[in-house]
Amino acid sequence: MEKKAKKSRLAGIPPWALSLMTLFTPIVLVFILDEIHLFESSAIEIGFYIVCFIFIIVACFLICRTHPESVWYTPFICNALIIILLVVTVLDYKARLLPLLISSIVLIVLSVIGALIGARIGRKINQAE
């Protein structure tokens, strides 16, 4: 008798819904932490953004590992706010463009790489079953 592997809780949720949850989680946390005045120090704010970047990259990896077919849209839904913010900043000539541009491009590239690696691992897992 073979022991059946347990399905992940993520397997029951559609990948687009997981991507939207990944998009809105940092947004809600920013509003909550800003409301309690936690962003008084720029070091805390930078640390929070680094944690959010890591959260988005890991979420893209996990979503695409669970649902390998979602590799084409998961990184773009998860980073939709960053992409919109990048377009708005490029249109505003007065803003400091270089730091935002570099961090946004790095986040998007790392999210795509994480999604591709997750999809490759997910396909191998699905083929093994």
N, C-alpha and C. Protein backbone atom coordinates (compact mmCIF):
# COMPACT_ATOMS: atom_id res chain seq x y z
N MET A 1 0.82 -1.18 0.00
CA MET A 1 0.00 0.00 0.00
C MET A 1 0.87 1.25 0.00
N GLU A 2 0.61 2.12 -0.95
CA GLU A 2 1.38 3.35 -1.04
C GLU A 2 0.73 4.43 -0.20
N LYS A 3 1.56 5.22 0.38
CA LYS A 3 1.07 6.35 1.16
C LYS A 3 0.86 7.53 0.22
N LYS A 4 -0.33 8.11 0.22
CA LYS A 4 -0.62 9.23 -0.66
C LYS A 4 -0.07 10.52 -0.06
N ALA A 5 0.49 11.33 -0.94
CA ALA A 5 1.03 12.62 -0.50
C ALA A 5 -0.11 13.59 -0.25
N LYS A 6 0.04 14.38 0.79
CA LYS A 6 -0.97 15.38 1.11
C LYS A 6 -0.85 16.56 0.16
N LYS A 7 -1.97 17.06 -0.31
CA LYS A 7 -1.98 18.25 -1.16
C LYS A 7 -1.78 19.49 -0.30
N SER A 8 -1.10 20.44 -0.85
CA SER A 8 -0.85 21.70 -0.16
C SER A 8 -2.14 22.50 -0.08
N ARG A 9 -2.21 23.37 0.92
CA ARG A 9 -3.37 24.27 1.01
C ARG A 9 -3.39 25.24 -0.17
N LEU A 10 -2.22 25.53 -0.69
CA LEU A 10 -2.13 26.44 -1.84
C LEU A 10 -2.71 25.82 -3.10
N ALA A 11 -2.74 24.49 -3.18
CA ALA A 11 -3.21 23.83 -4.39
C ALA A 11 -4.70 24.08 -4.64
N GLY A 12 -5.47 24.38 -3.61
CA GLY A 12 -6.89 24.60 -3.77
C GLY A 12 -7.27 26.01 -4.18
N ILE A 13 -6.34 26.96 -4.03
CA ILE A 13 -6.62 28.36 -4.36
C ILE A 13 -6.08 28.63 -5.75
N PRO A 14 -6.85 29.29 -6.62
CA PRO A 14 -6.36 29.59 -7.96
C PRO A 14 -5.12 30.51 -7.91
N PRO A 15 -4.22 30.36 -8.87
CA PRO A 15 -2.99 31.16 -8.83
C PRO A 15 -3.23 32.67 -8.97
N TRP A 16 -4.26 33.07 -9.69
CA TRP A 16 -4.52 34.50 -9.83
C TRP A 16 -4.94 35.10 -8.49
N ALA A 17 -5.67 34.31 -7.68
CA ALA A 17 -6.09 34.80 -6.36
C ALA A 17 -4.89 34.89 -5.42
N LEU A 18 -3.99 33.92 -5.48
CA LEU A 18 -2.78 33.99 -4.68
C LEU A 18 -1.92 35.18 -5.07
N SER A 19 -1.86 35.46 -6.37
CA SER A 19 -1.09 36.61 -6.85
C SER A 19 -1.69 37.92 -6.37
N LEU A 20 -3.01 38.01 -6.39
CA LEU A 20 -3.66 39.22 -5.88
C LEU A 20 -3.46 39.38 -4.38
N MET A 21 -3.48 38.27 -3.64
CA MET A 21 -3.20 38.35 -2.21
C MET A 21 -1.77 38.85 -1.97
N THR A 22 -0.85 38.38 -2.80
CA THR A 22 0.54 38.83 -2.69
C THR A 22 0.66 40.31 -3.04
N LEU A 23 -0.14 40.79 -3.96
CA LEU A 23 -0.12 42.20 -4.33
C LEU A 23 -0.66 43.08 -3.20
N PHE A 24 -1.77 42.67 -2.59
CA PHE A 24 -2.44 43.54 -1.62
C PHE A 24 -1.89 43.44 -0.20
N THR A 25 -1.18 42.38 0.15
CA THR A 25 -0.65 42.24 1.50
C THR A 25 0.32 43.37 1.86
N PRO A 26 1.35 43.67 1.04
CA PRO A 26 2.23 44.79 1.41
C PRO A 26 1.52 46.14 1.41
N ILE A 27 0.54 46.31 0.53
CA ILE A 27 -0.20 47.57 0.47
C ILE A 27 -0.95 47.80 1.78
N VAL A 28 -1.64 46.78 2.25
CA VAL A 28 -2.39 46.89 3.50
C VAL A 28 -1.44 47.11 4.67
N LEU A 29 -0.31 46.40 4.68
CA LEU A 29 0.65 46.58 5.76
C LEU A 29 1.24 47.99 5.78
N VAL A 30 1.47 48.58 4.62
CA VAL A 30 1.98 49.96 4.57
C VAL A 30 0.97 50.91 5.18
N PHE A 31 -0.30 50.75 4.85
CA PHE A 31 -1.33 51.62 5.41
C PHE A 31 -1.43 51.45 6.93
N ILE A 32 -1.37 50.22 7.41
CA ILE A 32 -1.47 49.97 8.85
C ILE A 32 -0.27 50.54 9.58
N LEU A 33 0.93 50.27 9.08
CA LEU A 33 2.14 50.75 9.75
C LEU A 33 2.30 52.26 9.65
N ASP A 34 1.80 52.84 8.58
CA ASP A 34 1.84 54.30 8.46
C ASP A 34 0.84 54.94 9.42
N GLU A 35 -0.28 54.27 9.65
CA GLU A 35 -1.30 54.80 10.55
C GLU A 35 -0.83 54.81 12.00
N ILE A 36 -0.02 53.84 12.38
CA ILE A 36 0.49 53.82 13.75
C ILE A 36 1.84 54.53 13.86
N HIS A 37 2.21 55.25 12.82
CA HIS A 37 3.42 56.10 12.78
C HIS A 37 4.69 55.32 13.03
N LEU A 38 4.79 54.14 12.42
CA LEU A 38 5.99 53.34 12.58
C LEU A 38 7.09 53.76 11.61
N PHE A 39 6.72 54.47 10.56
CA PHE A 39 7.69 54.88 9.55
C PHE A 39 8.33 56.23 9.87
N GLU A 40 8.51 56.54 11.14
CA GLU A 40 9.18 57.78 11.51
C GLU A 40 10.66 57.73 11.14
N SER A 41 11.25 56.57 11.22
CA SER A 41 12.66 56.39 10.88
C SER A 41 12.78 55.83 9.47
N SER A 42 13.70 56.37 8.70
CA SER A 42 13.86 55.88 7.33
C SER A 42 14.47 54.49 7.32
N ALA A 43 15.23 54.12 8.36
CA ALA A 43 15.81 52.78 8.42
C ALA A 43 14.72 51.73 8.56
N ILE A 44 13.70 52.02 9.36
CA ILE A 44 12.58 51.09 9.51
C ILE A 44 11.83 50.97 8.20
N GLU A 45 11.65 52.07 7.51
CA GLU A 45 10.95 52.05 6.23
C GLU A 45 11.72 51.25 5.18
N ILE A 46 13.01 51.45 5.10
CA ILE A 46 13.83 50.70 4.14
C ILE A 46 13.82 49.22 4.49
N GLY A 47 13.93 48.89 5.77
CA GLY A 47 13.87 47.49 6.19
C GLY A 47 12.54 46.85 5.84
N PHE A 48 11.45 47.61 6.01
CA PHE A 48 10.13 47.09 5.66
C PHE A 48 10.04 46.80 4.17
N TYR A 49 10.57 47.70 3.35
CA TYR A 49 10.52 47.49 1.90
C TYR A 49 11.38 46.31 1.48
N ILE A 50 12.49 46.10 2.14
CA ILE A 50 13.32 44.93 1.83
C ILE A 50 12.57 43.65 2.17
N VAL A 51 11.90 43.63 3.32
CA VAL A 51 11.10 42.46 3.71
C VAL A 51 9.96 42.23 2.71
N CYS A 52 9.33 43.30 2.25
CA CYS A 52 8.26 43.17 1.25
C CYS A 52 8.79 42.63 -0.07
N PHE A 53 9.98 43.09 -0.48
CA PHE A 53 10.58 42.58 -1.72
C PHE A 53 10.85 41.08 -1.60
N ILE A 54 11.39 40.66 -0.46
CA ILE A 54 11.67 39.24 -0.26
C ILE A 54 10.37 38.45 -0.23
N PHE A 55 9.34 39.00 0.41
CA PHE A 55 8.02 38.35 0.46
C PHE A 55 7.47 38.13 -0.96
N ILE A 56 7.55 39.14 -1.81
CA ILE A 56 7.02 39.03 -3.17
C ILE A 56 7.80 38.00 -3.98
N ILE A 57 9.12 37.99 -3.85
CA ILE A 57 9.93 37.03 -4.60
C ILE A 57 9.63 35.60 -4.16
N VAL A 58 9.56 35.37 -2.86
CA VAL A 58 9.26 34.03 -2.34
C VAL A 58 7.84 33.61 -2.71
N ALA A 59 6.90 34.55 -2.67
CA ALA A 59 5.52 34.22 -3.05
C ALA A 59 5.43 33.83 -4.52
N CYS A 60 6.14 34.53 -5.39
CA CYS A 60 6.16 34.16 -6.81
C CYS A 60 6.72 32.75 -6.99
N PHE A 61 7.78 32.44 -6.26
CA PHE A 61 8.36 31.10 -6.32
C PHE A 61 7.36 30.04 -5.88
N LEU A 62 6.72 30.26 -4.72
CA LEU A 62 5.80 29.26 -4.18
C LEU A 62 4.55 29.09 -5.05
N ILE A 63 4.02 30.19 -5.56
CA ILE A 63 2.84 30.11 -6.41
C ILE A 63 3.15 29.33 -7.68
N CYS A 64 4.29 29.62 -8.30
CA CYS A 64 4.64 28.94 -9.54
C CYS A 64 5.11 27.51 -9.31
N ARG A 65 5.58 27.21 -8.11
CA ARG A 65 5.91 25.81 -7.81
C ARG A 65 4.63 24.99 -7.67
N THR A 66 3.62 25.59 -7.06
CA THR A 66 2.35 24.89 -6.88
C THR A 66 1.55 24.84 -8.18
N HIS A 67 1.56 25.94 -8.94
CA HIS A 67 0.83 26.04 -10.20
C HIS A 67 1.81 26.45 -11.31
N PRO A 68 2.54 25.48 -11.90
CA PRO A 68 3.57 25.84 -12.90
C PRO A 68 3.03 26.56 -14.13
N GLU A 69 1.77 26.37 -14.45
CA GLU A 69 1.21 27.02 -15.64
C GLU A 69 1.01 28.52 -15.44
N SER A 70 1.10 28.99 -14.22
CA SER A 70 0.87 30.41 -13.93
C SER A 70 2.13 31.26 -14.03
N VAL A 71 3.20 30.68 -14.54
CA VAL A 71 4.48 31.38 -14.60
C VAL A 71 4.42 32.62 -15.50
N TRP A 72 3.48 32.66 -16.43
CA TRP A 72 3.41 33.76 -17.39
C TRP A 72 2.80 35.02 -16.81
N TYR A 73 1.98 34.90 -15.77
CA TYR A 73 1.32 36.11 -15.26
C TYR A 73 1.53 36.37 -13.77
N THR A 74 1.98 35.41 -13.02
CA THR A 74 2.15 35.60 -11.57
C THR A 74 3.11 36.74 -11.21
N PRO A 75 4.32 36.82 -11.81
CA PRO A 75 5.22 37.92 -11.41
C PRO A 75 4.65 39.29 -11.75
N PHE A 76 3.87 39.39 -12.79
CA PHE A 76 3.35 40.68 -13.21
C PHE A 76 2.16 41.13 -12.37
N ILE A 77 1.35 40.17 -11.92
CA ILE A 77 0.25 40.53 -11.00
C ILE A 77 0.83 40.91 -9.63
N CYS A 78 1.80 40.13 -9.16
CA CYS A 78 2.39 40.40 -7.84
C CYS A 78 3.10 41.76 -7.81
N ASN A 79 3.65 42.18 -8.94
CA ASN A 79 4.39 43.43 -9.01
C ASN A 79 3.61 44.53 -9.72
N ALA A 80 2.32 44.42 -9.81
CA ALA A 80 1.51 45.40 -10.56
C ALA A 80 1.66 46.81 -9.98
N LEU A 81 1.66 46.93 -8.68
CA LEU A 81 1.80 48.25 -8.06
C LEU A 81 3.17 48.86 -8.36
N ILE A 82 4.20 48.04 -8.33
CA ILE A 82 5.55 48.52 -8.64
C ILE A 82 5.63 48.98 -10.09
N ILE A 83 5.03 48.23 -10.99
CA ILE A 83 5.05 48.60 -12.40
C ILE A 83 4.29 49.90 -12.63
N ILE A 84 3.13 50.06 -12.01
CA ILE A 84 2.36 51.30 -12.14
C ILE A 84 3.13 52.47 -11.53
N LEU A 85 3.71 52.26 -10.36
CA LEU A 85 4.50 53.30 -9.72
C LEU A 85 5.70 53.70 -10.58
N LEU A 86 6.30 52.74 -11.23
CA LEU A 86 7.44 53.01 -12.10
C LEU A 86 7.02 53.86 -13.31
N VAL A 87 5.89 53.54 -13.91
CA VAL A 87 5.40 54.31 -15.05
C VAL A 87 5.05 55.74 -14.63
N VAL A 88 4.40 55.90 -13.50
CA VAL A 88 4.04 57.23 -13.02
C VAL A 88 5.29 58.05 -12.71
N THR A 89 6.30 57.42 -12.13
CA THR A 89 7.52 58.13 -11.79
C THR A 89 8.30 58.54 -13.04
N VAL A 90 8.30 57.69 -14.04
CA VAL A 90 8.98 58.04 -15.29
C VAL A 90 8.30 59.24 -15.94
N LEU A 91 6.99 59.35 -15.81
CA LEU A 91 6.27 60.47 -16.39
C LEU A 91 6.48 61.76 -15.59
N ASP A 92 6.85 61.65 -14.32
CA ASP A 92 7.10 62.81 -13.47
C ASP A 92 8.59 63.12 -13.51
N TYR A 93 8.96 64.18 -14.19
CA TYR A 93 10.37 64.48 -14.40
C TYR A 93 11.05 65.02 -13.16
N LYS A 94 10.32 65.47 -12.17
CA LYS A 94 10.91 66.07 -10.98
C LYS A 94 11.36 65.03 -9.96
N ALA A 95 10.84 63.84 -10.05
CA ALA A 95 11.14 62.80 -9.06
C ALA A 95 12.55 62.24 -9.28
N ARG A 96 13.10 61.73 -8.20
CA ARG A 96 14.38 61.02 -8.30
C ARG A 96 14.11 59.68 -8.95
N LEU A 97 14.64 59.50 -10.11
CA LEU A 97 14.28 58.33 -10.91
C LEU A 97 15.20 57.14 -10.69
N LEU A 98 16.47 57.37 -10.56
CA LEU A 98 17.43 56.27 -10.57
C LEU A 98 17.25 55.26 -9.42
N PRO A 99 17.12 55.66 -8.16
CA PRO A 99 16.95 54.64 -7.10
C PRO A 99 15.67 53.82 -7.27
N LEU A 100 14.58 54.48 -7.63
CA LEU A 100 13.33 53.75 -7.83
C LEU A 100 13.42 52.83 -9.04
N LEU A 101 14.04 53.30 -10.09
CA LEU A 101 14.19 52.50 -11.30
C LEU A 101 15.02 51.26 -11.03
N ILE A 102 16.12 51.41 -10.34
CA ILE A 102 17.00 50.27 -10.06
C ILE A 102 16.29 49.26 -9.16
N SER A 103 15.69 49.72 -8.09
CA SER A 103 15.03 48.79 -7.17
C SER A 103 13.83 48.10 -7.81
N SER A 104 13.09 48.81 -8.63
CA SER A 104 11.92 48.22 -9.29
C SER A 104 12.34 47.16 -10.31
N ILE A 105 13.35 47.46 -11.08
CA ILE A 105 13.80 46.50 -12.09
C ILE A 105 14.39 45.27 -11.41
N VAL A 106 15.15 45.46 -10.33
CA VAL A 106 15.71 44.32 -9.60
C VAL A 106 14.60 43.45 -9.03
N LEU A 107 13.57 44.07 -8.46
CA LEU A 107 12.45 43.30 -7.90
C LEU A 107 11.73 42.51 -8.98
N ILE A 108 11.46 43.13 -10.10
CA ILE A 108 10.74 42.45 -11.17
C ILE A 108 11.58 41.30 -11.74
N VAL A 109 12.86 41.54 -11.96
CA VAL A 109 13.73 40.50 -12.51
C VAL A 109 13.85 39.33 -11.53
N LEU A 110 14.05 39.62 -10.25
CA LEU A 110 14.14 38.55 -9.26
C LEU A 110 12.83 37.78 -9.11
N SER A 111 11.71 38.48 -9.25
CA SER A 111 10.41 37.81 -9.19
C SER A 111 10.22 36.86 -10.38
N VAL A 112 10.63 37.31 -11.55
CA VAL A 112 10.52 36.46 -12.75
C VAL A 112 11.45 35.25 -12.61
N ILE A 113 12.68 35.47 -12.12
CA ILE A 113 13.60 34.36 -11.92
C ILE A 113 13.04 33.37 -10.89
N GLY A 114 12.51 33.88 -9.79
CA GLY A 114 11.90 33.01 -8.78
C GLY A 114 10.72 32.23 -9.34
N ALA A 115 9.91 32.89 -10.18
CA ALA A 115 8.75 32.22 -10.78
C ALA A 115 9.21 31.12 -11.74
N LEU A 116 10.23 31.41 -12.54
CA LEU A 116 10.73 30.40 -13.48
C LEU A 116 11.33 29.20 -12.75
N ILE A 117 12.09 29.45 -11.69
CA ILE A 117 12.66 28.34 -10.92
C ILE A 117 11.54 27.54 -10.24
N GLY A 118 10.56 28.24 -9.68
CA GLY A 118 9.43 27.55 -9.06
C GLY A 118 8.63 26.72 -10.04
N ALA A 119 8.43 27.24 -11.25
CA ALA A 119 7.69 26.49 -12.27
C ALA A 119 8.47 25.25 -12.70
N ARG A 120 9.79 25.40 -12.82
CA ARG A 120 10.60 24.24 -13.21
C ARG A 120 10.56 23.16 -12.14
N ILE A 121 10.66 23.54 -10.89
CA ILE A 121 10.58 22.57 -9.79
C ILE A 121 9.18 21.97 -9.73
N GLY A 122 8.15 22.79 -9.91
CA GLY A 122 6.78 22.30 -9.89
C GLY A 122 6.49 21.31 -11.00
N ARG A 123 7.05 21.54 -12.17
CA ARG A 123 6.86 20.59 -13.28
C ARG A 123 7.54 19.26 -12.97
N LYS A 124 8.72 19.31 -12.37
CA LYS A 124 9.42 18.06 -12.01
C LYS A 124 8.64 17.29 -10.96
N ILE A 125 8.07 18.00 -9.99
CA ILE A 125 7.26 17.35 -8.96
C ILE A 125 6.02 16.72 -9.57
N ASN A 126 5.35 17.43 -10.49
CA ASN A 126 4.15 16.92 -11.13
C ASN A 126 4.46 15.71 -12.03
N GLN A 127 5.62 15.71 -12.69
CA GLN A 127 5.99 14.58 -13.52
C GLN A 127 6.32 13.36 -12.69
N ALA A 128 6.87 13.57 -11.50
CA ALA A 128 7.24 12.46 -10.63
C ALA A 128 6.02 11.74 -10.08
N GLU A 129 4.92 12.47 -9.97
CA GLU A 129 3.69 11.85 -9.42
C GLU A 129 3.06 11.07 -10.47
